[in-house]
C-alpha atoms as a PDB file:
ATOM      1  CA  MET A   1      46.071 -28.657 -12.278  1.00  0.00           C
ATOM      2  CA  VAL A   2      46.688 -31.210 -15.040  1.00  0.00           C
ATOM      3  CA  LYS A   3      48.680 -29.305 -18.361  1.00  0.00           C
ATOM      4  CA  ALA A   4      46.910 -30.638 -21.584  1.00  0.00           C
ATOM      5  CA  ALA A   5      48.020 -30.468 -25.419  1.00  0.00           C
ATOM      6  CA  VAL A   6      45.511 -30.464 -28.310  1.00  0.00           C
ATOM      7  CA  VAL A   7      46.320 -32.057 -31.440  1.00  0.00           C
ATOM      8  CA  GLY A   8      44.596 -31.050 -34.499  1.00  0.00           C
ATOM      9  CA  SER A   9      43.491 -27.817 -33.087  1.00  0.00           C
ATOM     10  CA  THR A  10      42.482 -26.287 -35.833  1.00  0.00           C
ATOM     11  CA  GLY A  11      39.896 -28.799 -36.850  1.00  0.00           C
ATOM     12  CA  TYR A  12      36.162 -28.565 -35.373  1.00  0.00           C
ATOM     13  CA  GLY A  13      36.694 -30.881 -32.830  1.00  0.00           C
ATOM     14  CA  GLY A  14      40.171 -29.573 -31.443  1.00  0.00           C
ATOM     15  CA  VAL A  15      38.430 -26.127 -31.177  1.00  0.00           C
ATOM     16  CA  GLU A  16      35.639 -27.449 -29.608  1.00  0.00           C
ATOM     17  CA  LEU A  17      38.182 -29.114 -26.922  1.00  0.00           C
ATOM     18  CA  ILE A  18      39.633 -25.691 -26.700  1.00  0.00           C
ATOM     19  CA  ARG A  19      36.352 -24.011 -25.707  1.00  0.00           C
ATOM     20  CA  PHE A  20      35.610 -26.997 -22.935  1.00  0.00           C
ATOM     21  CA  LEU A  21      39.151 -27.285 -21.301  1.00  0.00           C
ATOM     22  CA  LEU A  22      39.335 -23.049 -20.945  1.00  0.00           C
ATOM     23  CA  GLN A  23      37.138 -23.093 -18.791  1.00  0.00           C
ATOM     24  CA  HIS A  24      37.598 -26.428 -17.146  1.00  0.00           C
ATOM     25  CA  PRO A  25      38.637 -25.899 -13.466  1.00  0.00           C
ATOM     26  CA  ASN A  26      41.323 -28.432 -12.670  1.00  0.00           C
ATOM     27  CA  VAL A  27      42.945 -27.991 -16.649  1.00  0.00           C
ATOM     28  CA  THR A  28      45.128 -26.101 -17.894  1.00  0.00           C
ATOM     29  CA  ILE A  29      46.010 -25.713 -21.931  1.00  0.00           C
ATOM     30  CA  GLU A  30      49.862 -25.223 -22.341  1.00  0.00           C
ATOM     31  CA  ALA A  31      50.002 -26.562 -26.121  1.00  0.00           C
ATOM     32  CA  VAL A  32      48.035 -26.120 -28.910  1.00  0.00           C
ATOM     33  CA  LEU A  33      49.664 -28.500 -32.013  1.00  0.00           C
ATOM     34  CA  SER A  34      49.200 -28.438 -36.052  1.00  0.00           C
ATOM     35  CA  SER A  35      51.041 -29.655 -38.553  1.00  0.00           C
ATOM     36  CA  SER A  36      50.251 -27.292 -40.827  1.00  0.00           C
ATOM     37  CA  GLN A  37      49.932 -24.164 -39.337  1.00  0.00           C
ATOM     38  CA  ALA A  38      52.572 -23.943 -37.151  1.00  0.00           C
ATOM     39  CA  GLY A  39      53.481 -20.666 -36.006  1.00  0.00           C
ATOM     40  CA  GLY A  40      50.589 -18.783 -36.443  1.00  0.00           C
ATOM     41  CA  LEU A  41      47.668 -17.801 -33.707  1.00  0.00           C
ATOM     42  CA  LEU A  42      45.255 -19.980 -33.359  1.00  0.00           C
ATOM     43  CA  SER A  43      42.644 -17.398 -33.432  1.00  0.00           C
ATOM     44  CA  GLU A  44      43.969 -16.460 -36.987  1.00  0.00           C
ATOM     45  CA  SER A  45      41.979 -19.489 -38.094  1.00  0.00           C
ATOM     46  CA  TYR A  46      39.144 -18.953 -35.616  1.00  0.00           C
ATOM     47  CA  PRO A  47      38.955 -15.479 -34.592  1.00  0.00           C
ATOM     48  CA  HIS A  48      35.779 -16.099 -32.309  1.00  0.00           C
ATOM     49  CA  LEU A  49      39.157 -16.864 -30.005  1.00  0.00           C
ATOM     50  CA  GLN A  50      40.455 -13.233 -30.185  1.00  0.00           C
ATOM     51  CA  GLY A  51      40.870 -12.312 -27.011  1.00  0.00           C
ATOM     52  CA  ILE A  52      39.795 -15.495 -25.573  1.00  0.00           C
ATOM     53  CA  TYR A  53      43.054 -17.320 -26.191  1.00  0.00           C
ATOM     54  CA  THR A  54      46.037 -16.215 -27.310  1.00  0.00           C
ATOM     55  CA  GLY A  55      48.498 -19.103 -27.851  1.00  0.00           C
ATOM     56  CA  ARG A  56      50.436 -20.253 -31.041  1.00  0.00           C
ATOM     57  CA  LEU A  57      50.328 -23.046 -32.857  1.00  0.00           C
ATOM     58  CA  GLU A  58      53.497 -25.596 -32.725  1.00  0.00           C
ATOM     59  CA  GLU A  59      54.911 -28.196 -34.651  1.00  0.00           C
ATOM     60  CA  ILE A  60      54.134 -31.805 -32.903  1.00  0.00           C
ATOM     61  CA  ILE A  61      57.614 -33.202 -31.441  1.00  0.00           C
ATOM     62  CA  PRO A  62      56.179 -35.918 -29.014  1.00  0.00           C
ATOM     63  CA  ALA A  63      59.577 -35.465 -26.751  1.00  0.00           C
ATOM     64  CA  GLN A  64      59.073 -32.030 -26.113  1.00  0.00           C
ATOM     65  CA  LEU A  65      55.460 -32.536 -25.622  1.00  0.00           C
ATOM     66  CA  ALA A  66      56.533 -34.969 -22.722  1.00  0.00           C
ATOM     67  CA  GLU A  67      58.627 -31.850 -20.579  1.00  0.00           C
ATOM     68  CA  LYS A  68      55.593 -29.596 -20.309  1.00  0.00           C
ATOM     69  CA  VAL A  69      52.371 -31.422 -20.479  1.00  0.00           C
ATOM     70  CA  ASP A  70      50.671 -34.556 -18.932  1.00  0.00           C
ATOM     71  CA  VAL A  71      48.144 -35.606 -21.461  1.00  0.00           C
ATOM     72  CA  VAL A  72      47.363 -34.871 -24.946  1.00  0.00           C
ATOM     73  CA  PHE A  73      44.288 -35.078 -26.741  1.00  0.00           C
ATOM     74  CA  THR A  74      44.555 -36.137 -30.703  1.00  0.00           C
ATOM     75  CA  ALA A  75      41.944 -34.761 -32.974  1.00  0.00           C
ATOM     76  CA  THR A  76      43.189 -35.899 -36.288  1.00  0.00           C
ATOM     77  CA  PRO A  77      42.473 -37.909 -39.143  1.00  0.00           C
ATOM     78  CA  SER A  78      42.492 -41.598 -39.124  1.00  0.00           C
ATOM     79  CA  GLY A  79      45.613 -42.724 -40.347  1.00  0.00           C
ATOM     80  CA  VAL A  80      47.337 -39.931 -38.443  1.00  0.00           C
ATOM     81  CA  SER A  81      46.988 -41.032 -34.801  1.00  0.00           C
ATOM     82  CA  SER A  82      48.356 -44.863 -35.145  1.00  0.00           C
ATOM     83  CA  THR A  83      51.743 -43.434 -36.060  1.00  0.00           C
ATOM     84  CA  LEU A  84      51.451 -40.195 -33.654  1.00  0.00           C
ATOM     85  CA  VAL A  85      50.116 -42.030 -30.324  1.00  0.00           C
ATOM     86  CA  PRO A  86      53.056 -44.626 -30.202  1.00  0.00           C
ATOM     87  CA  GLN A  87      55.156 -41.531 -29.783  1.00  0.00           C
ATOM     88  CA  LEU A  88      53.332 -39.750 -27.315  1.00  0.00           C
ATOM     89  CA  LEU A  89      52.613 -42.825 -25.123  1.00  0.00           C
ATOM     90  CA  ASP A  90      56.431 -43.946 -25.211  1.00  0.00           C
ATOM     91  CA  ALA A  91      57.101 -40.164 -24.412  1.00  0.00           C
ATOM     92  CA  GLY A  92      54.916 -40.721 -21.276  1.00  0.00           C
ATOM     93  CA  LEU A  93      52.061 -39.162 -22.010  1.00  0.00           C
ATOM     94  CA  LYS A  94      48.531 -39.936 -21.231  1.00  0.00           C
ATOM     95  CA  VAL A  95      46.590 -39.717 -24.252  1.00  0.00           C
ATOM     96  CA  ILE A  96      42.816 -39.422 -25.671  1.00  0.00           C
ATOM     97  CA  ASP A  97      42.756 -40.621 -29.085  1.00  0.00           C
ATOM     98  CA  LEU A  98      39.595 -39.048 -31.159  1.00  0.00           C
ATOM     99  CA  SER A  99      40.439 -40.590 -34.409  1.00  0.00           C
ATOM    100  CA  GLY A 100      38.918 -43.880 -35.082  1.00  0.00           C
ATOM    101  CA  ASP A 101      42.330 -45.595 -35.658  1.00  0.00           C
ATOM    102  CA  PHE A 102      42.462 -47.649 -32.123  1.00  0.00           C
ATOM    103  CA  ARG A 103      38.673 -48.137 -31.717  1.00  0.00           C
ATOM    104  CA  LEU A 104      38.630 -51.486 -33.519  1.00  0.00           C
ATOM    105  CA  LYS A 105      40.460 -54.523 -32.334  1.00  0.00           C
ATOM    106  CA  ASN A 106      40.484 -56.746 -34.869  1.00  0.00           C
ATOM    107  CA  PRO A 107      43.294 -55.033 -37.730  1.00  0.00           C
ATOM    108  CA  GLU A 108      41.597 -57.181 -40.463  1.00  0.00           C
ATOM    109  CA  VAL A 109      38.200 -55.265 -39.319  1.00  0.00           C
ATOM    110  CA  TYR A 110      39.884 -52.235 -39.609  1.00  0.00           C
ATOM    111  CA  GLU A 111      41.661 -52.409 -42.445  1.00  0.00           C
ATOM    112  CA  LYS A 112      38.369 -53.178 -44.471  1.00  0.00           C
ATOM    113  CA  TRP A 113      36.277 -50.069 -43.086  1.00  0.00           C
ATOM    114  CA  TYR A 114      39.229 -47.831 -42.629  1.00  0.00           C
ATOM    115  CA  LYS A 115      40.922 -48.496 -46.088  1.00  0.00           C
ATOM    116  CA  HIS A 116      44.736 -47.633 -43.786  1.00  0.00           C
ATOM    117  CA  ALA A 117      47.209 -49.914 -42.161  1.00  0.00           C
ATOM    118  CA  ALA A 118      46.250 -51.371 -38.647  1.00  0.00           C
ATOM    119  CA  PRO A 119      48.034 -49.723 -36.316  1.00  0.00           C
ATOM    120  CA  PRO A 120      50.594 -51.507 -33.855  1.00  0.00           C
ATOM    121  CA  GLU A 121      48.906 -54.632 -32.528  1.00  0.00           C
ATOM    122  CA  ASP A 122      50.803 -53.850 -28.641  1.00  0.00           C
ATOM    123  CA  ILE A 123      49.628 -50.518 -28.977  1.00  0.00           C
ATOM    124  CA  GLN A 124      45.745 -51.573 -29.622  1.00  0.00           C
ATOM    125  CA  LYS A 125      45.871 -53.886 -27.060  1.00  0.00           C
ATOM    126  CA  GLN A 126      46.654 -50.257 -24.359  1.00  0.00           C
ATOM    127  CA  ALA A 127      43.893 -48.592 -26.123  1.00  0.00           C
ATOM    128  CA  VAL A 128      40.936 -48.602 -23.770  1.00  0.00           C
ATOM    129  CA  TYR A 129      37.333 -47.771 -25.383  1.00  0.00           C
ATOM    130  CA  GLY A 130      36.486 -44.745 -24.171  1.00  0.00           C
ATOM    131  CA  LEU A 131      32.229 -44.853 -24.235  1.00  0.00           C
ATOM    132  CA  SER A 132      32.044 -43.221 -20.793  1.00  0.00           C
ATOM    133  CA  GLU A 133      28.437 -44.447 -19.250  1.00  0.00           C
ATOM    134  CA  ILE A 134      29.795 -48.018 -20.061  1.00  0.00           C
ATOM    135  CA  PHE A 135      33.265 -48.716 -19.747  1.00  0.00           C
ATOM    136  CA  GLU A 136      34.302 -46.525 -16.290  1.00  0.00           C
ATOM    137  CA  LYS A 137      35.388 -48.851 -14.477  1.00  0.00           C
ATOM    138  CA  ASP A 138      38.591 -49.558 -17.415  1.00  0.00           C
ATOM    139  CA  ILE A 139      39.059 -45.716 -18.305  1.00  0.00           C
ATOM    140  CA  ALA A 140      38.967 -45.025 -14.664  1.00  0.00           C
ATOM    141  CA  LYS A 141      42.802 -46.939 -15.051  1.00  0.00           C
ATOM    142  CA  ALA A 142      43.734 -46.519 -18.315  1.00  0.00           C
ATOM    143  CA  THR A 143      46.430 -44.118 -19.540  1.00  0.00           C
ATOM    144  CA  PHE A 144      45.415 -44.358 -23.138  1.00  0.00           C
ATOM    145  CA  ILE A 145      41.628 -43.802 -24.414  1.00  0.00           C
ATOM    146  CA  THR A 146      40.547 -43.997 -27.902  1.00  0.00           C
ATOM    147  CA  ASN A 147      37.314 -42.198 -28.087  1.00  0.00           C
ATOM    148  CA  PRO A 148      34.487 -43.377 -29.621  1.00  0.00           C
ATOM    149  CA  GLY A 149      32.850 -41.890 -32.671  1.00  0.00           C
ATOM    150  CA  CYS A 150      29.836 -39.643 -32.700  1.00  0.00           C
ATOM    151  CA  TYR A 151      27.315 -42.009 -34.704  1.00  0.00           C
ATOM    152  CA  ALA A 152      28.496 -45.095 -32.696  1.00  0.00           C
ATOM    153  CA  THR A 153      27.954 -43.047 -29.161  1.00  0.00           C
ATOM    154  CA  ALA A 154      24.362 -41.968 -29.978  1.00  0.00           C
ATOM    155  CA  ALA A 155      23.319 -45.744 -31.437  1.00  0.00           C
ATOM    156  CA  GLN A 156      25.176 -47.815 -28.269  1.00  0.00           C
ATOM    157  CA  LEU A 157      23.996 -45.963 -25.716  1.00  0.00           C
ATOM    158  CA  SER A 158      20.233 -46.304 -27.328  1.00  0.00           C
ATOM    159  CA  PHE A 159      20.695 -50.080 -26.794  1.00  0.00           C
ATOM    160  CA  MET A 160      22.695 -50.788 -24.015  1.00  0.00           C
ATOM    161  CA  PRO A 161      20.570 -50.707 -20.827  1.00  0.00           C
ATOM    162  CA  LEU A 162      18.154 -53.828 -23.378  1.00  0.00           C
ATOM    163  CA  LEU A 163      21.048 -56.189 -24.489  1.00  0.00           C
ATOM    164  CA  ARG A 164      20.906 -58.180 -21.121  1.00  0.00           C
ATOM    165  CA  THR A 165      16.994 -58.065 -20.212  1.00  0.00           C
ATOM    166  CA  GLY A 166      16.441 -60.895 -23.178  1.00  0.00           C
ATOM    167  CA  TRP A 167      13.355 -58.483 -23.904  1.00  0.00           C
ATOM    168  CA  ILE A 168      14.605 -57.753 -27.668  1.00  0.00           C
ATOM    169  CA  ASP A 169      15.789 -60.201 -30.407  1.00  0.00           C
ATOM    170  CA  LEU A 170      19.102 -58.704 -31.210  1.00  0.00           C
ATOM    171  CA  ASN A 171      19.082 -59.875 -34.629  1.00  0.00           C
ATOM    172  CA  SER A 172      16.571 -57.126 -35.370  1.00  0.00           C
ATOM    173  CA  ILE A 173      18.417 -53.924 -34.941  1.00  0.00           C
ATOM    174  CA  ILE A 174      18.470 -51.141 -37.792  1.00  0.00           C
ATOM    175  CA  ILE A 175      19.471 -47.887 -36.824  1.00  0.00           C
ATOM    176  CA  ASP A 176      18.284 -44.659 -38.828  1.00  0.00           C
ATOM    177  CA  ALA A 177      21.113 -41.961 -38.335  1.00  0.00           C
ATOM    178  CA  LYS A 178      21.039 -37.970 -39.365  1.00  0.00           C
ATOM    179  CA  SER A 179      24.153 -36.229 -38.867  1.00  0.00           C
ATOM    180  CA  GLY A 180      24.667 -32.017 -39.722  1.00  0.00           C
ATOM    181  CA  VAL A 181      27.320 -31.423 -41.342  1.00  0.00           C
ATOM    182  CA  SER A 182      30.193 -30.509 -38.805  1.00  0.00           C
ATOM    183  CA  GLY A 183      30.600 -34.175 -38.801  1.00  0.00           C
ATOM    184  CA  ALA A 184      32.718 -33.880 -42.041  1.00  0.00           C
ATOM    185  CA  GLY A 185      35.295 -31.840 -40.852  1.00  0.00           C
ATOM    186  CA  ARG A 186      36.342 -28.564 -41.778  1.00  0.00           C
ATOM    187  CA  GLY A 187      38.552 -29.897 -44.709  1.00  0.00           C
ATOM    188  CA  LEU A 188      36.246 -28.816 -48.607  1.00  0.00           C
ATOM    189  CA  ASN A 189      34.650 -31.488 -50.747  1.00  0.00           C
ATOM    190  CA  MET A 190      32.006 -31.517 -52.828  1.00  0.00           C
ATOM    191  CA  MET A 191      29.541 -33.241 -50.048  1.00  0.00           C
ATOM    192  CA  VAL A 192      29.286 -30.456 -47.809  1.00  0.00           C
ATOM    193  CA  HIS A 193      29.506 -27.533 -50.261  1.00  0.00           C
ATOM    194  CA  TYR A 194      26.836 -25.073 -49.526  1.00  0.00           C
ATOM    195  CA  SER A 195      24.655 -25.579 -52.969  1.00  0.00           C
ATOM    196  CA  GLU A 196      25.101 -29.544 -52.584  1.00  0.00           C
ATOM    197  CA  THR A 197      23.503 -29.501 -48.620  1.00  0.00           C
ATOM    198  CA  ASN A 198      21.181 -26.813 -48.597  1.00  0.00           C
ATOM    199  CA  GLU A 199      17.627 -27.836 -48.713  1.00  0.00           C
ATOM    200  CA  ASN A 200      18.955 -30.910 -49.356  1.00  0.00           C
ATOM    201  CA  PHE A 201      18.396 -34.358 -47.137  1.00  0.00           C
ATOM    202  CA  LYS A 202      20.903 -37.354 -48.460  1.00  0.00           C
ATOM    203  CA  ALA A 203      22.271 -40.972 -47.257  1.00  0.00           C
ATOM    204  CA  TYR A 204      25.484 -41.703 -47.747  1.00  0.00           C
ATOM    205  CA  LYS A 205      28.180 -44.889 -47.104  1.00  0.00           C
ATOM    206  CA  VAL A 206      24.810 -46.974 -47.256  1.00  0.00           C
ATOM    207  CA  ASN A 207      26.199 -50.511 -45.570  1.00  0.00           C
ATOM    208  CA  LYS A 208      29.441 -49.110 -45.930  1.00  0.00           C
ATOM    209  CA  HIS A 209      29.875 -46.499 -42.958  1.00  0.00           C
ATOM    210  CA  GLN A 210      33.353 -47.156 -40.752  1.00  0.00           C
ATOM    211  CA  HIS A 211      30.847 -46.694 -37.627  1.00  0.00           C
ATOM    212  CA  ILE A 212      29.129 -49.761 -38.306  1.00  0.00           C
ATOM    213  CA  PRO A 213      31.793 -52.047 -36.764  1.00  0.00           C
ATOM    214  CA  GLU A 214      32.785 -49.773 -34.115  1.00  0.00           C
ATOM    215  CA  ILE A 215      28.966 -50.157 -33.553  1.00  0.00           C
ATOM    216  CA  GLU A 216      28.525 -53.826 -33.446  1.00  0.00           C
ATOM    217  CA  GLN A 217      32.068 -54.297 -31.247  1.00  0.00           C
ATOM    218  CA  GLY A 218      30.828 -52.680 -28.554  1.00  0.00           C
ATOM    219  CA  LEU A 219      27.127 -54.047 -28.680  1.00  0.00           C
ATOM    220  CA  SER A 220      28.965 -57.810 -28.679  1.00  0.00           C
ATOM    221  CA  VAL A 221      31.008 -56.976 -25.830  1.00  0.00           C
ATOM    222  CA  LEU A 222      28.206 -56.041 -23.644  1.00  0.00           C
ATOM    223  CA  ALA A 223      25.447 -58.291 -24.531  1.00  0.00           C
ATOM    224  CA  GLY A 224      27.991 -61.168 -24.611  1.00  0.00           C
ATOM    225  CA  ARG A 225      27.203 -62.353 -28.119  1.00  0.00           C
ATOM    226  CA  ASP A 226      27.883 -61.690 -31.742  1.00  0.00           C
ATOM    227  CA  ILE A 227      25.303 -58.906 -33.080  1.00  0.00           C
ATOM    228  CA  THR A 228      25.176 -57.626 -36.363  1.00  0.00           C
ATOM    229  CA  VAL A 229      22.979 -54.478 -37.114  1.00  0.00           C
ATOM    230  CA  THR A 230      21.579 -52.421 -40.194  1.00  0.00           C
ATOM    231  CA  PHE A 231      22.870 -48.998 -39.677  1.00  0.00           C
ATOM    232  CA  THR A 232      22.326 -46.250 -42.491  1.00  0.00           C
ATOM    233  CA  THR A 233      23.665 -42.439 -42.353  1.00  0.00           C
ATOM    234  CA  HIS A 234      22.251 -39.246 -43.659  1.00  0.00           C
ATOM    235  CA  LEU A 235      23.401 -36.405 -44.333  1.00  0.00           C
ATOM    236  CA  VAL A 236      20.815 -32.962 -42.561  1.00  0.00           C
ATOM    237  CA  PRO A 237      21.288 -29.173 -43.602  1.00  0.00           C
ATOM    238  CA  MET A 238      22.142 -28.220 -40.167  1.00  0.00           C
ATOM    239  CA  THR A 239      25.351 -27.406 -38.605  1.00  0.00           C
ATOM    240  CA  ARG A 240      25.568 -29.579 -35.485  1.00  0.00           C
ATOM    241  CA  GLY A 241      23.737 -32.481 -34.026  1.00  0.00           C
ATOM    242  CA  ILE A 242      22.870 -36.250 -34.538  1.00  0.00           C
ATOM    243  CA  MET A 243      19.424 -38.381 -34.338  1.00  0.00           C
ATOM    244  CA  THR A 244      19.132 -41.992 -34.167  1.00  0.00           C
ATOM    245  CA  THR A 245      15.708 -43.729 -35.286  1.00  0.00           C
ATOM    246  CA  SER A 246      16.479 -47.188 -33.827  1.00  0.00           C
ATOM    247  CA  TYR A 247      13.994 -49.931 -34.227  1.00  0.00           C
ATOM    248  CA  VAL A 248      13.963 -53.275 -32.719  1.00  0.00           C
ATOM    249  CA  ASN A 249      11.659 -56.223 -32.532  1.00  0.00           C
ATOM    250  CA  VAL A 250      10.316 -56.729 -28.678  1.00  0.00           C
ATOM    251  CA  ILE A 251       9.750 -60.310 -27.643  1.00  0.00           C
ATOM    252  CA  ALA A 252       9.059 -60.218 -24.023  1.00  0.00           C
ATOM    253  CA  ASP A 253       5.630 -59.425 -22.287  1.00  0.00           C
ATOM    254  CA  VAL A 254       6.663 -55.998 -21.278  1.00  0.00           C
ATOM    255  CA  THR A 255       5.259 -52.486 -21.414  1.00  0.00           C
ATOM    256  CA  GLU A 256       6.915 -49.563 -22.931  1.00  0.00           C
ATOM    257  CA  GLU A 257       6.805 -48.106 -19.231  1.00  0.00           C
ATOM    258  CA  GLU A 258       8.862 -51.246 -17.786  1.00  0.00           C
ATOM    259  CA  ILE A 259      11.191 -50.378 -20.482  1.00  0.00           C
ATOM    260  CA  ARG A 260      11.314 -46.948 -20.204  1.00  0.00           C
ATOM    261  CA  GLU A 261      12.191 -47.966 -16.382  1.00  0.00           C
ATOM    262  CA  GLN A 262      14.921 -50.196 -17.064  1.00  0.00           C
ATOM    263  CA  ILE A 263      16.758 -47.123 -19.444  1.00  0.00           C
ATOM    264  CA  ARG A 264      16.454 -45.153 -16.296  1.00  0.00           C
ATOM    265  CA  ALA A 265      17.743 -47.655 -13.924  1.00  0.00           C
ATOM    266  CA  PHE A 266      20.643 -48.216 -16.346  1.00  0.00           C
ATOM    267  CA  TYR A 267      21.795 -44.805 -16.480  1.00  0.00           C
ATOM    268  CA  LYS A 268      20.822 -44.138 -12.829  1.00  0.00           C
ATOM    269  CA  GLY A 269      23.661 -41.178 -11.683  1.00  0.00           C
ATOM    270  CA  ARG A 270      24.716 -40.284 -15.178  1.00  0.00           C
ATOM    271  CA  LYS A 271      24.778 -36.940 -15.446  1.00  0.00           C
ATOM    272  CA  PHE A 272      24.751 -36.515 -19.096  1.00  0.00           C
ATOM    273  CA  VAL A 273      21.886 -39.401 -20.123  1.00  0.00           C
ATOM    274  CA  ARG A 274      18.477 -37.966 -19.638  1.00  0.00           C
ATOM    275  CA  ILE A 275      15.404 -40.393 -20.511  1.00  0.00           C
ATOM    276  CA  ARG A 276      12.083 -38.177 -21.319  1.00  0.00           C
ATOM    277  CA  GLU A 277       8.695 -38.842 -20.123  1.00  0.00           C
ATOM    278  CA  ALA A 278       6.387 -40.748 -22.017  1.00  0.00           C
ATOM    279  CA  GLY A 279       5.283 -39.422 -25.193  1.00  0.00           C
ATOM    280  CA  VAL A 280       7.897 -36.764 -25.606  1.00  0.00           C
ATOM    281  CA  TYR A 281      10.434 -37.506 -27.837  1.00  0.00           C
ATOM    282  CA  PRO A 282      14.245 -35.225 -28.450  1.00  0.00           C
ATOM    283  CA  ALA A 283      15.452 -33.398 -30.748  1.00  0.00           C
ATOM    284  CA  THR A 284      18.979 -32.310 -31.465  1.00  0.00           C
ATOM    285  CA  LYS A 285      18.575 -28.213 -30.585  1.00  0.00           C
ATOM    286  CA  GLU A 286      17.916 -29.521 -27.356  1.00  0.00           C
ATOM    287  CA  VAL A 287      21.502 -30.970 -26.856  1.00  0.00           C
ATOM    288  CA  SER A 288      23.054 -28.199 -29.199  1.00  0.00           C
ATOM    289  CA  GLY A 289      26.547 -27.348 -27.640  1.00  0.00           C
ATOM    290  CA  SER A 290      26.444 -29.703 -24.587  1.00  0.00           C
ATOM    291  CA  ASN A 291      27.407 -33.093 -23.494  1.00  0.00           C
ATOM    292  CA  PHE A 292      23.730 -34.632 -23.080  1.00  0.00           C
ATOM    293  CA  CYS A 293      22.827 -37.379 -24.697  1.00  0.00           C
ATOM    294  CA  ASP A 294      18.601 -37.883 -24.421  1.00  0.00           C
ATOM    295  CA  ILE A 295      16.661 -40.702 -25.320  1.00  0.00           C
ATOM    296  CA  GLY A 296      12.938 -41.096 -26.130  1.00  0.00           C
ATOM    297  CA  ILE A 297      10.935 -44.594 -26.961  1.00  0.00           C
ATOM    298  CA  SER A 298       7.698 -45.443 -27.790  1.00  0.00           C
ATOM    299  CA  TYR A 299       6.478 -49.117 -28.104  1.00  0.00           C
ATOM    300  CA  ASP A 300       4.144 -50.149 -30.960  1.00  0.00           C
ATOM    301  CA  LEU A 301       2.215 -53.227 -29.171  1.00  0.00           C
ATOM    302  CA  ARG A 302       0.700 -53.609 -32.589  1.00  0.00           C
ATOM    303  CA  THR A 303       4.008 -54.316 -34.229  1.00  0.00           C
ATOM    304  CA  LYS A 304       5.783 -55.422 -31.279  1.00  0.00           C
ATOM    305  CA  ARG A 305       8.577 -52.847 -32.554  1.00  0.00           C
ATOM    306  CA  LEU A 306      10.457 -50.943 -29.820  1.00  0.00           C
ATOM    307  CA  THR A 307      11.167 -47.438 -30.954  1.00  0.00           C
ATOM    308  CA  ILE A 308      14.064 -45.701 -29.635  1.00  0.00           C
ATOM    309  CA  ILE A 309      14.934 -41.623 -30.830  1.00  0.00           C
ATOM    310  CA  THR A 310      18.299 -40.565 -29.491  1.00  0.00           C
ATOM    311  CA  VAL A 311      20.123 -36.622 -29.883  1.00  0.00           C
ATOM    312  CA  ILE A 312      23.515 -35.781 -29.405  1.00  0.00           C
ATOM    313  CA  ASP A 313      26.048 -32.818 -30.586  1.00  0.00           C
ATOM    314  CA  ASN A 314      28.078 -34.268 -32.752  1.00  0.00           C
ATOM    315  CA  ILE A 315      30.794 -32.331 -31.888  1.00  0.00           C
ATOM    316  CA  VAL A 316      30.618 -32.392 -27.828  1.00  0.00           C
ATOM    317  CA  LYS A 317      29.120 -36.012 -26.705  1.00  0.00           C
ATOM    318  CA  GLY A 318      29.796 -37.705 -30.482  1.00  0.00           C
ATOM    319  CA  ALA A 319      33.588 -36.364 -29.387  1.00  0.00           C
ATOM    320  CA  ALA A 320      35.269 -33.352 -27.468  1.00  0.00           C
ATOM    321  CA  GLY A 321      32.606 -33.560 -24.744  1.00  0.00           C
ATOM    322  CA  GLN A 322      33.399 -37.096 -24.105  1.00  0.00           C
ATOM    323  CA  ALA A 323      37.037 -36.507 -24.249  1.00  0.00           C
ATOM    324  CA  ILE A 324      36.846 -34.412 -21.609  1.00  0.00           C
ATOM    325  CA  GLN A 325      34.202 -36.588 -20.030  1.00  0.00           C
ATOM    326  CA  ASN A 326      36.821 -39.512 -20.276  1.00  0.00           C
ATOM    327  CA  LEU A 327      39.823 -37.183 -18.772  1.00  0.00           C
ATOM    328  CA  ASN A 328      37.451 -36.760 -15.920  1.00  0.00           C
ATOM    329  CA  ILE A 329      37.072 -39.938 -15.210  1.00  0.00           C
ATOM    330  CA  MET A 330      40.755 -40.889 -15.416  1.00  0.00           C
ATOM    331  CA  MET A 331      41.732 -38.242 -13.206  1.00  0.00           C
ATOM    332  CA  GLY A 332      39.037 -39.524 -10.498  1.00  0.00           C
ATOM    333  CA  TRP A 333      37.431 -36.217 -10.788  1.00  0.00           C
ATOM    334  CA  ASP A 334      33.339 -35.814 -11.087  1.00  0.00           C
ATOM    335  CA  GLU A 335      32.785 -36.910 -14.598  1.00  0.00           C
ATOM    336  CA  SER A 336      30.887 -33.528 -15.312  1.00  0.00           C
ATOM    337  CA  THR A 337      33.490 -31.526 -14.231  1.00  0.00           C
ATOM    338  CA  GLY A 338      34.174 -28.501 -16.719  1.00  0.00           C
ATOM    339  CA  LEU A 339      31.208 -29.995 -18.700  1.00  0.00           C
ATOM    340  CA  LEU A 340      27.630 -29.413 -16.438  1.00  0.00           C
ATOM    341  CA  LEU A 341      26.530 -26.565 -19.122  1.00  0.00           C
ATOM    342  CA  ALA A 342      23.010 -25.907 -20.531  1.00  0.00           C
ATOM    343  CA  PRO A 343      22.328 -26.449 -24.470  1.00  0.00           C
ATOM    344  CA  VAL A 344      22.462 -23.662 -26.732  1.00  0.00           C
ATOM    345  CA  TYR A 345      18.772 -22.739 -27.319  1.00  0.00           C
ATOM    346  CA  PRO A 346      17.193 -21.766 -29.778  1.00  0.00           C
END
């Protein structure tokens, strides 16, 4: 059995990690940690765990963690992991980081978009980008994984199968993204205040979202050339879910079915990417509470433009679920171990 610890366990990503790890056949949770609520029961913050998980929140002391766990999930705000992760690695622990601190390889780009000092360069070089379906070989050899962002996961999985086909104009990518309010975390702020969000639909961080350079970095790696995208985020008055509606110009003489089959072939054998049939498009409710990423496409011959509609649960495939998927790959287990649960519907 692998012994795990969760840092930042009182946030939505952390408690979702615990929900899945509790039913993982190969993992035991040996510690849940919180710098702000140490000493209390996790079930005091999350009463739904009463009688299910009785662990107490502990202080974060890396050297002590190394004595009782094998792997640490860090579900902390950006700016925290950059100082904590080096200590965990020095203690000999495997780390899967759910913050954004190690996703961007260029320190100047990180500081521009995240408004924090870049993490140590030597640690940054160790970080393997954990987009599970794309970088599995690197993940399998890693001891330190930087988990992708939620929007970045949906956006990249939409385009990865088409980047090297020569079928699309790589300079024409537009991504229209929407997320439920849980993506903002559990902390209080005006943006997710009930009166501000209910019966409302608004764009935010227009041309400034920190997932823009992450999306461009990932697409550029697979395409073998620099790619820039137009990416706009919107807040939707629902709790869970992300939908990206993406557009790209088609420059080859191909049919919609050929494009769909290319996407199917690319993801063949991947248990968490599901491709819809012609004329059927995914909805966020159809992946809620699960690690699935569902994709539907429509090719408009009139405009020569392809529309790609992709949905994920932002807390699961966009955070905790993909982190566990990466743990499975890292440990040599089937990627779906402990994760192959049906979505919650309705």
